N, C-alpha and C. Protein backbone atom coordinates (compact mmCIF):
# COMPACT_ATOMS: atom_id res chain seq x y z
N UNK A 1 -36.12 -9.54 -24.94
CA UNK A 1 -35.97 -10.98 -25.14
C UNK A 1 -34.62 -11.23 -25.78
N UNK A 2 -33.90 -12.23 -25.29
CA UNK A 2 -32.59 -12.58 -25.86
C UNK A 2 -32.79 -13.44 -27.12
N UNK A 3 -31.98 -13.15 -28.09
CA UNK A 3 -32.01 -13.95 -29.31
C UNK A 3 -30.74 -14.82 -29.32
N UNK A 4 -30.94 -16.10 -29.46
CA UNK A 4 -29.85 -17.06 -29.42
C UNK A 4 -29.39 -17.33 -30.83
N UNK A 5 -28.05 -17.58 -30.89
CA UNK A 5 -27.43 -17.87 -32.18
C UNK A 5 -26.39 -18.98 -31.94
N UNK A 6 -26.39 -19.99 -32.78
CA UNK A 6 -25.43 -21.01 -32.62
C UNK A 6 -23.99 -20.54 -33.02
N UNK A 7 -23.91 -19.46 -33.78
CA UNK A 7 -22.60 -19.03 -34.28
C UNK A 7 -22.03 -17.88 -33.50
N UNK A 8 -22.72 -17.45 -32.44
CA UNK A 8 -22.27 -16.27 -31.69
C UNK A 8 -22.05 -16.67 -30.24
N UNK A 9 -20.90 -16.14 -29.69
CA UNK A 9 -20.60 -16.32 -28.29
C UNK A 9 -20.31 -15.03 -27.66
N UNK A 10 -20.88 -14.83 -26.48
CA UNK A 10 -20.71 -13.55 -25.77
C UNK A 10 -19.69 -13.76 -24.65
N UNK A 11 -18.57 -13.13 -24.73
CA UNK A 11 -17.54 -13.21 -23.64
C UNK A 11 -17.71 -12.04 -22.74
N UNK A 12 -18.30 -12.30 -21.55
CA UNK A 12 -18.62 -11.24 -20.60
C UNK A 12 -17.37 -10.76 -19.86
N UNK A 13 -16.56 -11.70 -19.35
CA UNK A 13 -15.39 -11.35 -18.52
C UNK A 13 -14.14 -11.35 -19.35
N UNK A 14 -13.90 -10.31 -20.09
CA UNK A 14 -12.66 -10.19 -20.91
C UNK A 14 -11.46 -9.65 -20.16
N UNK A 15 -11.76 -8.87 -19.08
CA UNK A 15 -10.72 -8.30 -18.27
C UNK A 15 -10.87 -8.67 -16.82
N UNK A 16 -9.84 -9.07 -16.17
CA UNK A 16 -9.88 -9.39 -14.73
C UNK A 16 -8.86 -8.59 -14.06
N UNK A 17 -9.26 -7.93 -12.99
CA UNK A 17 -8.34 -7.09 -12.16
C UNK A 17 -8.17 -7.79 -10.78
N UNK A 18 -6.93 -8.18 -10.48
CA UNK A 18 -6.66 -8.89 -9.21
C UNK A 18 -5.81 -8.04 -8.32
N UNK A 19 -6.26 -7.90 -7.08
CA UNK A 19 -5.48 -7.25 -6.04
C UNK A 19 -5.34 -8.15 -4.86
N UNK A 20 -4.39 -7.83 -3.97
CA UNK A 20 -4.14 -8.67 -2.84
C UNK A 20 -2.68 -8.63 -2.41
N UNK A 21 -2.34 -9.51 -1.45
CA UNK A 21 -1.01 -9.52 -0.91
C UNK A 21 -0.02 -10.22 -1.83
N UNK A 22 -0.39 -11.33 -2.37
CA UNK A 22 0.56 -12.15 -3.13
C UNK A 22 0.31 -12.11 -4.62
N UNK A 23 1.32 -12.04 -5.39
CA UNK A 23 1.19 -12.08 -6.84
C UNK A 23 1.20 -13.58 -7.29
N UNK A 24 0.40 -13.84 -8.28
CA UNK A 24 0.38 -15.21 -8.83
C UNK A 24 1.66 -15.44 -9.64
N UNK A 25 2.22 -16.59 -9.41
CA UNK A 25 3.44 -16.93 -10.17
C UNK A 25 3.12 -17.67 -11.50
N UNK A 26 3.86 -17.37 -12.49
CA UNK A 26 3.66 -18.05 -13.74
C UNK A 26 4.56 -19.27 -13.75
N UNK A 27 4.13 -20.33 -13.15
CA UNK A 27 4.97 -21.48 -12.88
C UNK A 27 4.89 -22.52 -13.96
N UNK A 28 3.98 -22.42 -14.84
CA UNK A 28 3.77 -23.47 -15.85
C UNK A 28 3.25 -22.90 -17.14
N UNK A 29 3.72 -23.42 -18.24
CA UNK A 29 3.22 -22.98 -19.56
C UNK A 29 1.81 -23.46 -19.77
N UNK A 30 1.34 -24.37 -18.93
CA UNK A 30 -0.03 -24.87 -19.05
C UNK A 30 -1.00 -24.14 -18.12
N UNK A 31 -0.51 -23.13 -17.41
CA UNK A 31 -1.31 -22.38 -16.45
C UNK A 31 -2.36 -21.51 -17.20
N UNK A 32 -3.54 -21.36 -16.64
CA UNK A 32 -4.53 -20.49 -17.18
C UNK A 32 -4.23 -19.03 -16.88
N UNK A 33 -3.23 -18.79 -16.00
CA UNK A 33 -2.89 -17.42 -15.59
C UNK A 33 -1.47 -17.07 -16.00
N UNK A 34 -1.07 -17.43 -17.19
CA UNK A 34 0.30 -17.22 -17.62
C UNK A 34 0.46 -16.01 -18.47
N UNK A 35 -0.61 -15.15 -18.56
CA UNK A 35 -0.50 -13.95 -19.36
C UNK A 35 -0.96 -12.71 -18.55
N UNK A 36 -0.66 -12.71 -17.25
CA UNK A 36 -0.99 -11.59 -16.42
C UNK A 36 -0.07 -10.45 -16.70
N UNK A 37 -0.58 -9.24 -16.54
CA UNK A 37 0.22 -8.01 -16.69
C UNK A 37 0.30 -7.40 -15.33
N UNK A 38 1.50 -7.30 -14.74
CA UNK A 38 1.69 -6.75 -13.41
C UNK A 38 1.81 -5.23 -13.56
N UNK A 39 0.89 -4.50 -12.94
CA UNK A 39 0.84 -3.03 -13.03
C UNK A 39 1.17 -2.41 -11.64
N UNK A 40 1.74 -3.22 -10.74
CA UNK A 40 2.03 -2.75 -9.37
C UNK A 40 2.92 -1.50 -9.32
N UNK A 41 3.90 -1.39 -10.21
CA UNK A 41 4.82 -0.32 -10.24
C UNK A 41 4.74 0.52 -11.54
N UNK A 42 3.59 0.56 -12.07
CA UNK A 42 3.36 1.28 -13.36
C UNK A 42 2.80 2.69 -13.05
N UNK A 43 3.44 3.71 -13.59
CA UNK A 43 3.11 5.12 -13.25
C UNK A 43 1.61 5.42 -13.61
N UNK A 44 1.13 4.89 -14.74
CA UNK A 44 -0.20 5.17 -15.25
C UNK A 44 -1.27 4.76 -14.22
N UNK A 45 -0.93 3.73 -13.39
CA UNK A 45 -1.95 3.25 -12.44
C UNK A 45 -1.53 3.49 -10.99
N UNK A 46 -0.60 4.42 -10.75
CA UNK A 46 -0.04 4.61 -9.41
C UNK A 46 -1.10 5.12 -8.43
N UNK A 47 -2.13 5.80 -8.87
CA UNK A 47 -3.16 6.29 -7.98
C UNK A 47 -4.43 5.49 -7.95
N UNK A 48 -4.36 4.28 -8.51
CA UNK A 48 -5.58 3.48 -8.69
C UNK A 48 -6.14 2.94 -7.37
N UNK A 49 -5.29 2.49 -6.50
CA UNK A 49 -5.72 1.81 -5.28
C UNK A 49 -5.61 2.67 -4.04
N UNK A 50 -6.01 3.87 -4.13
CA UNK A 50 -5.97 4.78 -2.99
C UNK A 50 -6.74 6.06 -3.32
N UNK A 51 -6.65 7.04 -2.41
CA UNK A 51 -7.25 8.32 -2.64
C UNK A 51 -6.18 9.40 -2.67
N UNK A 52 -6.20 10.13 -3.79
CA UNK A 52 -5.19 11.15 -3.99
C UNK A 52 -5.55 12.44 -3.28
N UNK A 53 -4.62 13.36 -3.16
CA UNK A 53 -4.91 14.67 -2.56
C UNK A 53 -6.05 15.43 -3.28
N UNK A 54 -5.97 15.39 -4.59
CA UNK A 54 -7.02 16.02 -5.39
C UNK A 54 -8.39 15.45 -5.13
N UNK A 55 -8.44 14.12 -5.12
CA UNK A 55 -9.72 13.45 -4.84
C UNK A 55 -10.20 13.73 -3.44
N UNK A 56 -9.32 13.79 -2.47
CA UNK A 56 -9.71 14.08 -1.07
C UNK A 56 -10.40 15.42 -1.00
N UNK A 57 -9.78 16.41 -1.61
CA UNK A 57 -10.30 17.79 -1.47
C UNK A 57 -11.55 18.02 -2.36
N UNK A 58 -11.65 17.27 -3.47
CA UNK A 58 -12.77 17.44 -4.36
C UNK A 58 -14.02 16.77 -3.92
N UNK A 59 -13.87 15.59 -3.29
CA UNK A 59 -15.05 14.79 -3.01
C UNK A 59 -15.37 14.69 -1.46
N UNK A 60 -14.45 15.10 -0.58
CA UNK A 60 -14.68 14.92 0.83
C UNK A 60 -14.69 16.23 1.58
N UNK A 61 -15.08 17.32 0.95
CA UNK A 61 -15.12 18.60 1.63
C UNK A 61 -15.91 18.63 2.88
N UNK A 62 -17.15 18.19 2.87
CA UNK A 62 -18.00 18.17 4.11
C UNK A 62 -17.44 17.32 5.21
N UNK A 63 -16.84 16.21 4.80
CA UNK A 63 -16.22 15.32 5.83
C UNK A 63 -15.00 15.90 6.47
N UNK A 64 -14.22 16.64 5.66
CA UNK A 64 -13.05 17.33 6.19
C UNK A 64 -13.43 18.39 7.16
N UNK A 65 -14.49 19.18 6.80
CA UNK A 65 -14.94 20.24 7.66
C UNK A 65 -15.49 19.67 8.96
N UNK A 66 -16.25 18.59 8.90
CA UNK A 66 -16.83 17.95 10.06
C UNK A 66 -15.73 17.43 11.01
N UNK A 67 -14.75 16.80 10.43
CA UNK A 67 -13.60 16.25 11.23
C UNK A 67 -12.84 17.42 11.91
N UNK A 68 -12.61 18.47 11.15
CA UNK A 68 -11.87 19.63 11.70
C UNK A 68 -12.62 20.25 12.87
N UNK A 69 -13.94 20.36 12.69
CA UNK A 69 -14.78 20.92 13.77
C UNK A 69 -14.73 20.01 15.01
N UNK A 70 -14.85 18.71 14.76
CA UNK A 70 -14.85 17.75 15.90
C UNK A 70 -13.54 17.82 16.68
N UNK A 71 -12.40 18.05 15.99
CA UNK A 71 -11.11 18.06 16.61
C UNK A 71 -10.63 19.47 16.98
N UNK A 72 -11.48 20.42 16.80
CA UNK A 72 -11.18 21.85 17.10
C UNK A 72 -9.91 22.33 16.31
N UNK A 73 -9.90 22.04 15.05
CA UNK A 73 -8.83 22.37 14.12
C UNK A 73 -9.32 23.25 13.01
N UNK A 74 -8.37 23.91 12.38
CA UNK A 74 -8.71 24.61 11.18
C UNK A 74 -8.73 23.58 10.05
N UNK A 75 -9.32 23.92 8.91
CA UNK A 75 -9.34 23.00 7.74
C UNK A 75 -7.88 22.61 7.34
N UNK A 76 -6.99 23.58 7.35
CA UNK A 76 -5.62 23.35 6.95
C UNK A 76 -4.90 22.43 7.92
N UNK A 77 -5.16 22.61 9.17
CA UNK A 77 -4.52 21.73 10.22
C UNK A 77 -5.07 20.31 10.04
N UNK A 78 -6.33 20.21 9.76
CA UNK A 78 -6.98 18.91 9.61
C UNK A 78 -6.36 18.16 8.40
N UNK A 79 -6.17 18.89 7.26
CA UNK A 79 -5.60 18.27 6.09
C UNK A 79 -4.18 17.86 6.31
N UNK A 80 -3.44 18.65 7.02
CA UNK A 80 -2.05 18.32 7.32
C UNK A 80 -1.94 17.01 8.16
N UNK A 81 -2.86 16.92 9.19
CA UNK A 81 -2.85 15.79 10.07
C UNK A 81 -3.28 14.55 9.30
N UNK A 82 -4.23 14.68 8.43
CA UNK A 82 -4.65 13.53 7.58
C UNK A 82 -3.49 13.06 6.72
N UNK A 83 -2.78 13.98 6.12
CA UNK A 83 -1.64 13.66 5.27
C UNK A 83 -0.57 12.90 6.07
N UNK A 84 -0.23 13.43 7.22
CA UNK A 84 0.85 12.83 8.05
C UNK A 84 0.44 11.43 8.55
N UNK A 85 -0.82 11.23 8.79
CA UNK A 85 -1.30 10.02 9.39
C UNK A 85 -1.65 8.90 8.43
N UNK A 86 -2.22 9.29 7.25
CA UNK A 86 -2.75 8.25 6.35
C UNK A 86 -2.25 8.34 4.93
N UNK A 87 -1.52 9.41 4.56
CA UNK A 87 -1.02 9.54 3.20
C UNK A 87 0.36 8.84 3.09
N UNK A 88 0.96 8.96 1.89
CA UNK A 88 2.33 8.58 1.76
C UNK A 88 2.62 7.37 0.90
N UNK A 89 1.57 6.62 0.53
CA UNK A 89 1.85 5.47 -0.32
C UNK A 89 2.18 5.88 -1.73
N UNK A 90 3.28 5.31 -2.26
CA UNK A 90 3.79 5.66 -3.53
C UNK A 90 4.14 4.38 -4.32
N UNK A 91 3.54 4.23 -5.47
CA UNK A 91 3.74 3.05 -6.26
C UNK A 91 4.52 3.26 -7.52
N UNK A 92 5.03 4.45 -7.70
CA UNK A 92 5.93 4.78 -8.80
C UNK A 92 6.70 6.00 -8.41
N UNK A 93 7.99 6.03 -8.73
CA UNK A 93 8.85 7.14 -8.29
C UNK A 93 8.29 8.46 -8.70
N UNK A 94 7.65 8.53 -9.90
CA UNK A 94 7.08 9.78 -10.41
C UNK A 94 5.57 9.83 -10.38
N UNK A 95 4.99 8.92 -9.61
CA UNK A 95 3.55 8.88 -9.53
C UNK A 95 2.97 9.78 -8.45
N UNK A 96 1.71 9.62 -8.13
CA UNK A 96 1.07 10.43 -7.11
C UNK A 96 0.96 9.66 -5.82
N UNK A 97 1.12 10.36 -4.70
CA UNK A 97 0.91 9.72 -3.41
C UNK A 97 -0.59 9.45 -3.18
N UNK A 98 -0.84 8.40 -2.48
CA UNK A 98 -2.28 8.06 -2.17
C UNK A 98 -2.47 7.80 -0.69
N UNK A 99 -3.66 8.16 -0.23
CA UNK A 99 -4.05 7.87 1.17
C UNK A 99 -4.56 6.40 1.29
N UNK A 100 -4.37 5.81 2.47
CA UNK A 100 -4.99 4.52 2.75
C UNK A 100 -6.51 4.77 2.85
N UNK A 101 -7.29 4.26 1.89
CA UNK A 101 -8.76 4.56 1.88
C UNK A 101 -9.48 4.04 3.11
N UNK A 102 -9.07 2.87 3.63
CA UNK A 102 -9.78 2.29 4.85
C UNK A 102 -9.59 3.20 5.99
N UNK A 103 -8.38 3.60 6.27
CA UNK A 103 -8.13 4.46 7.40
C UNK A 103 -8.75 5.87 7.24
N UNK A 104 -8.66 6.38 6.08
CA UNK A 104 -9.19 7.72 5.82
C UNK A 104 -10.74 7.76 6.07
N UNK A 105 -11.40 6.83 5.49
CA UNK A 105 -12.86 6.78 5.64
C UNK A 105 -13.28 6.51 7.07
N UNK A 106 -12.50 5.72 7.81
CA UNK A 106 -12.79 5.46 9.21
C UNK A 106 -12.58 6.72 10.05
N UNK A 107 -11.60 7.51 9.70
CA UNK A 107 -11.33 8.76 10.40
C UNK A 107 -12.56 9.67 10.27
N UNK A 108 -13.06 9.80 9.09
CA UNK A 108 -14.27 10.60 8.82
C UNK A 108 -15.49 10.01 9.56
N UNK A 109 -15.61 8.73 9.58
CA UNK A 109 -16.75 8.10 10.17
C UNK A 109 -16.76 8.28 11.67
N UNK A 110 -15.60 8.08 12.32
CA UNK A 110 -15.51 8.16 13.80
C UNK A 110 -15.19 9.58 14.28
N UNK A 111 -14.72 10.44 13.42
CA UNK A 111 -14.40 11.79 13.77
C UNK A 111 -13.11 11.84 14.61
N UNK A 112 -12.23 10.90 14.44
CA UNK A 112 -10.96 10.82 15.18
C UNK A 112 -9.85 10.30 14.28
N UNK A 113 -8.60 10.74 14.63
CA UNK A 113 -7.40 10.27 13.91
C UNK A 113 -6.90 9.01 14.58
N UNK A 114 -7.59 7.89 14.36
CA UNK A 114 -7.25 6.65 15.00
C UNK A 114 -6.32 5.79 14.16
N UNK A 115 -5.85 4.68 14.74
CA UNK A 115 -5.00 3.76 13.99
C UNK A 115 -5.95 2.59 13.52
N UNK A 116 -6.66 2.86 12.46
CA UNK A 116 -7.66 1.93 12.01
C UNK A 116 -7.12 0.76 11.20
N UNK A 117 -5.98 0.98 10.56
CA UNK A 117 -5.46 -0.07 9.63
C UNK A 117 -5.13 -1.36 10.45
N UNK A 118 -4.68 -1.21 11.69
CA UNK A 118 -4.29 -2.36 12.44
C UNK A 118 -5.50 -3.16 12.90
N UNK A 119 -6.68 -2.62 12.79
CA UNK A 119 -7.84 -3.41 13.12
C UNK A 119 -8.12 -4.47 12.09
N UNK A 120 -7.50 -4.37 10.89
CA UNK A 120 -7.74 -5.35 9.82
C UNK A 120 -6.82 -6.54 10.00
N UNK A 121 -5.89 -6.48 10.94
CA UNK A 121 -4.95 -7.59 11.11
C UNK A 121 -3.74 -7.16 11.94
N UNK A 122 -3.00 -8.12 12.39
CA UNK A 122 -1.81 -7.81 13.19
C UNK A 122 -0.55 -8.19 12.46
N UNK A 123 0.57 -7.52 12.70
CA UNK A 123 1.86 -7.86 11.99
C UNK A 123 2.63 -8.94 12.65
N UNK A 124 1.99 -9.83 13.47
CA UNK A 124 2.72 -10.84 14.21
C UNK A 124 3.53 -11.72 13.24
N UNK A 125 2.97 -12.11 12.10
CA UNK A 125 3.69 -12.99 11.16
C UNK A 125 4.91 -12.26 10.61
N UNK A 126 4.82 -10.93 10.44
CA UNK A 126 5.98 -10.18 9.95
C UNK A 126 7.07 -10.07 11.03
N UNK A 127 6.65 -9.89 12.26
CA UNK A 127 7.60 -9.87 13.36
C UNK A 127 8.40 -11.15 13.40
N UNK A 128 7.72 -12.27 13.26
CA UNK A 128 8.41 -13.59 13.22
C UNK A 128 9.36 -13.68 12.07
N UNK A 129 8.90 -13.16 10.94
CA UNK A 129 9.73 -13.23 9.74
C UNK A 129 11.01 -12.39 9.93
N UNK A 130 10.83 -11.17 10.47
CA UNK A 130 11.98 -10.33 10.67
C UNK A 130 12.96 -10.92 11.74
N UNK A 131 12.35 -11.57 12.76
CA UNK A 131 13.19 -12.16 13.77
C UNK A 131 14.03 -13.31 13.20
N UNK A 132 13.37 -14.14 12.36
CA UNK A 132 14.01 -15.29 11.82
C UNK A 132 15.12 -14.92 10.84
N UNK A 133 14.98 -13.79 10.17
CA UNK A 133 15.99 -13.38 9.19
C UNK A 133 16.95 -12.39 9.74
N UNK A 134 16.82 -12.07 11.03
CA UNK A 134 17.70 -11.10 11.72
C UNK A 134 17.72 -9.74 10.96
N UNK A 135 16.56 -9.31 10.60
CA UNK A 135 16.43 -8.04 9.89
C UNK A 135 16.69 -6.87 10.80
N UNK A 136 17.49 -5.91 10.32
CA UNK A 136 17.82 -4.70 11.12
C UNK A 136 16.73 -3.66 10.96
N UNK A 137 15.91 -3.50 11.99
CA UNK A 137 14.81 -2.57 11.97
C UNK A 137 15.30 -1.12 11.79
N UNK A 138 16.53 -0.86 12.15
CA UNK A 138 17.08 0.53 12.04
C UNK A 138 17.25 0.94 10.58
N UNK A 139 17.29 -0.03 9.68
CA UNK A 139 17.40 0.36 8.25
C UNK A 139 16.09 1.01 7.73
N UNK A 140 14.96 0.73 8.38
CA UNK A 140 13.73 1.36 8.07
C UNK A 140 13.59 2.74 8.65
N UNK A 141 13.87 2.84 9.95
CA UNK A 141 13.70 4.09 10.63
C UNK A 141 14.68 5.10 10.14
N UNK A 142 15.82 4.69 9.69
CA UNK A 142 16.89 5.64 9.22
C UNK A 142 16.87 5.97 7.76
N UNK A 143 15.83 5.49 7.03
CA UNK A 143 15.75 5.70 5.59
C UNK A 143 16.99 5.25 4.85
N UNK A 144 17.53 4.11 5.18
CA UNK A 144 18.68 3.62 4.53
C UNK A 144 18.46 2.22 3.93
N UNK A 145 17.22 1.96 3.65
CA UNK A 145 16.85 0.67 3.09
C UNK A 145 16.75 0.79 1.57
N UNK A 146 17.80 0.26 0.88
CA UNK A 146 17.88 0.37 -0.54
C UNK A 146 17.58 -0.95 -1.22
N UNK A 147 16.75 -0.95 -2.26
CA UNK A 147 16.45 -2.13 -3.06
C UNK A 147 16.32 -1.82 -4.52
N UNK A 148 16.42 -2.86 -5.34
CA UNK A 148 16.17 -2.66 -6.76
C UNK A 148 14.82 -3.15 -7.12
N UNK A 149 14.37 -2.90 -8.35
CA UNK A 149 13.00 -3.29 -8.79
C UNK A 149 12.79 -4.77 -8.73
N UNK A 150 13.79 -5.54 -9.05
CA UNK A 150 13.65 -7.01 -8.96
C UNK A 150 13.30 -7.45 -7.55
N UNK A 151 13.88 -6.80 -6.54
CA UNK A 151 13.59 -7.15 -5.17
C UNK A 151 12.18 -6.83 -4.84
N UNK A 152 11.68 -5.70 -5.25
CA UNK A 152 10.31 -5.32 -4.98
C UNK A 152 9.26 -6.24 -5.61
N UNK A 153 9.67 -6.88 -6.69
CA UNK A 153 8.75 -7.73 -7.41
C UNK A 153 8.94 -9.21 -7.05
N UNK A 154 9.80 -9.46 -6.05
CA UNK A 154 10.07 -10.83 -5.60
C UNK A 154 8.99 -11.21 -4.62
N UNK A 155 7.85 -11.77 -5.13
CA UNK A 155 6.67 -12.06 -4.26
C UNK A 155 6.64 -13.48 -3.72
N UNK A 156 7.70 -14.27 -3.90
CA UNK A 156 7.63 -15.63 -3.47
C UNK A 156 7.48 -15.66 -1.93
N UNK A 157 6.49 -16.45 -1.43
CA UNK A 157 6.20 -16.49 -0.02
C UNK A 157 7.35 -17.03 0.81
N UNK A 158 8.22 -17.90 0.16
CA UNK A 158 9.27 -18.50 0.91
C UNK A 158 10.62 -17.88 0.74
N UNK A 159 10.62 -16.62 0.21
CA UNK A 159 11.88 -15.88 0.02
C UNK A 159 12.49 -15.55 1.36
N UNK A 160 13.84 -15.51 1.40
CA UNK A 160 14.54 -15.22 2.62
C UNK A 160 14.41 -13.74 2.97
N UNK A 161 14.44 -12.89 1.97
CA UNK A 161 14.37 -11.44 2.14
C UNK A 161 12.96 -10.99 2.52
N UNK A 162 12.82 -10.36 3.74
CA UNK A 162 11.45 -9.90 4.12
C UNK A 162 11.00 -8.64 3.49
N UNK A 163 11.94 -7.93 2.82
CA UNK A 163 11.60 -6.59 2.27
C UNK A 163 10.45 -6.61 1.26
N UNK A 164 10.42 -7.52 0.30
CA UNK A 164 9.26 -7.57 -0.63
C UNK A 164 7.95 -7.76 0.07
N UNK A 165 7.97 -8.55 1.13
CA UNK A 165 6.75 -8.78 1.90
C UNK A 165 6.30 -7.54 2.67
N UNK A 166 7.27 -6.79 3.21
CA UNK A 166 6.98 -5.53 3.89
C UNK A 166 6.43 -4.51 2.95
N UNK A 167 6.93 -4.53 1.69
CA UNK A 167 6.47 -3.57 0.70
C UNK A 167 5.04 -3.84 0.21
N UNK A 168 4.81 -5.17 -0.12
CA UNK A 168 3.50 -5.44 -0.68
C UNK A 168 2.39 -5.55 0.34
N UNK A 169 2.71 -5.60 1.61
CA UNK A 169 1.68 -5.59 2.66
C UNK A 169 1.43 -4.19 3.19
N UNK A 170 2.17 -3.15 2.68
CA UNK A 170 1.92 -1.81 3.02
C UNK A 170 2.68 -1.19 4.21
N UNK A 171 3.60 -1.97 4.75
CA UNK A 171 4.44 -1.45 5.81
C UNK A 171 5.58 -0.57 5.35
N UNK A 172 5.94 -0.73 4.05
CA UNK A 172 6.92 0.11 3.42
C UNK A 172 6.43 0.66 2.14
N UNK A 173 6.92 1.76 1.70
CA UNK A 173 6.63 2.33 0.40
C UNK A 173 7.83 3.04 -0.17
N UNK A 174 7.72 3.52 -1.42
CA UNK A 174 8.84 4.15 -2.06
C UNK A 174 9.00 5.56 -1.49
N UNK A 175 10.27 5.89 -1.12
CA UNK A 175 10.62 7.23 -0.64
C UNK A 175 11.37 8.00 -1.74
N UNK A 176 12.32 7.38 -2.37
CA UNK A 176 13.12 8.01 -3.36
C UNK A 176 13.54 6.95 -4.39
N UNK A 177 13.97 7.46 -5.60
CA UNK A 177 14.45 6.57 -6.63
C UNK A 177 15.67 7.19 -7.27
N UNK A 178 16.73 6.44 -7.29
CA UNK A 178 18.05 6.84 -7.91
C UNK A 178 18.03 6.21 -9.29
N UNK A 179 17.74 7.04 -10.34
CA UNK A 179 17.64 6.50 -11.70
C UNK A 179 19.05 5.98 -12.20
N UNK A 180 20.15 6.65 -11.79
CA UNK A 180 21.44 6.21 -12.24
C UNK A 180 21.82 4.80 -11.74
N UNK A 181 21.51 4.63 -10.46
CA UNK A 181 21.81 3.31 -9.86
C UNK A 181 20.66 2.34 -9.95
N UNK A 182 19.53 2.80 -10.46
CA UNK A 182 18.29 2.04 -10.53
C UNK A 182 17.96 1.40 -9.19
N UNK A 183 17.99 2.28 -8.18
CA UNK A 183 17.80 1.82 -6.79
C UNK A 183 16.77 2.63 -6.06
N UNK A 184 15.84 1.94 -5.35
CA UNK A 184 14.81 2.58 -4.55
C UNK A 184 15.25 2.71 -3.11
N UNK A 185 14.81 3.80 -2.47
CA UNK A 185 14.88 3.93 -1.03
C UNK A 185 13.45 3.75 -0.49
N UNK A 186 13.32 2.87 0.47
CA UNK A 186 12.01 2.61 1.07
C UNK A 186 11.86 3.19 2.44
N UNK A 187 10.62 3.47 2.87
CA UNK A 187 10.40 4.00 4.14
C UNK A 187 8.98 3.64 4.66
N UNK A 188 8.63 3.98 5.91
CA UNK A 188 7.25 3.87 6.32
C UNK A 188 6.43 4.88 5.60
N UNK A 189 5.22 4.56 5.16
CA UNK A 189 4.44 5.53 4.39
C UNK A 189 3.89 6.62 5.24
N UNK A 190 3.56 6.42 6.51
CA UNK A 190 2.94 7.48 7.31
C UNK A 190 3.07 7.13 8.80
N UNK A 191 2.55 8.02 9.63
CA UNK A 191 2.69 7.86 11.07
C UNK A 191 1.85 6.67 11.57
N UNK A 192 0.72 6.44 11.00
CA UNK A 192 -0.15 5.35 11.48
C UNK A 192 0.62 4.03 11.35
N UNK A 193 1.28 3.79 10.24
CA UNK A 193 2.00 2.54 10.03
C UNK A 193 3.28 2.57 10.88
N UNK A 194 4.04 3.62 10.86
CA UNK A 194 5.28 3.68 11.55
C UNK A 194 5.14 3.41 13.02
N UNK A 195 4.29 4.16 13.73
CA UNK A 195 4.18 4.01 15.18
C UNK A 195 3.40 2.75 15.55
N UNK A 196 2.52 2.29 14.66
CA UNK A 196 1.84 1.06 14.93
C UNK A 196 2.75 -0.12 14.84
N UNK A 197 3.66 -0.09 13.84
CA UNK A 197 4.60 -1.17 13.67
C UNK A 197 5.69 -1.19 14.75
N UNK A 198 6.29 -0.04 14.98
CA UNK A 198 7.35 0.06 15.99
C UNK A 198 6.82 -0.20 17.41
N UNK A 199 5.56 0.08 17.65
CA UNK A 199 5.01 -0.11 18.97
C UNK A 199 4.36 -1.44 19.20
N UNK A 200 4.40 -2.34 18.18
CA UNK A 200 3.72 -3.63 18.23
C UNK A 200 4.51 -4.49 19.26
N UNK A 201 3.76 -5.17 20.19
CA UNK A 201 4.45 -6.05 21.18
C UNK A 201 5.25 -7.16 20.51
N UNK A 202 6.47 -7.24 21.00
CA UNK A 202 7.36 -8.26 20.43
C UNK A 202 8.35 -7.72 19.44
N UNK A 203 8.17 -6.48 18.96
CA UNK A 203 9.04 -5.84 17.99
C UNK A 203 10.43 -5.65 18.60
N UNK A 204 10.48 -5.39 19.86
CA UNK A 204 11.80 -5.14 20.47
C UNK A 204 12.66 -6.35 20.59
N UNK A 205 12.13 -7.51 20.30
CA UNK A 205 12.91 -8.78 20.41
C UNK A 205 13.50 -9.18 19.08
N UNK A 206 13.31 -8.30 18.04
CA UNK A 206 13.83 -8.64 16.72
C UNK A 206 15.37 -8.60 16.74
């Protein structure tokens, strides 16, 4: 039985964790969301929103064996293919790489290395964005796309630069970091994203 007291208040929701495509902007001192802490590029939380190599091998042993058997592979070949296809997301230069959990779990469920991420949506709006800004797609495929941290955190939806949008929607991730120049090199995280994006209808007209 609950005991009520006029002098006591119970605050149930003291911490809120928000994920998604767009970051909330602190546009007003009167906003109820003006004290958010952005942990998107924080090393401590780099492996929070994905599955790490260690977690994959510790918790998904039977699923790995079943997938390897279904595809007539050795366990090592299966792990290598999983890494090439679904791994590669990096949210801090010195953090851990993580697998796309949606694609990874679907690969285990279906017993195939499919392109499952694109079932959640199409990149048509990104293609239009890239076309309108005359973005050079070769800068991604050649690993010559350099940005600073301010650019990665520029989440304004109306920004002219499409790079922050490509990064926060998962089409690009961190490849390298030059500490002296404080500059990131971005790339496609894995083969699922790379070949899905480059093969999307209309990409060639950018």
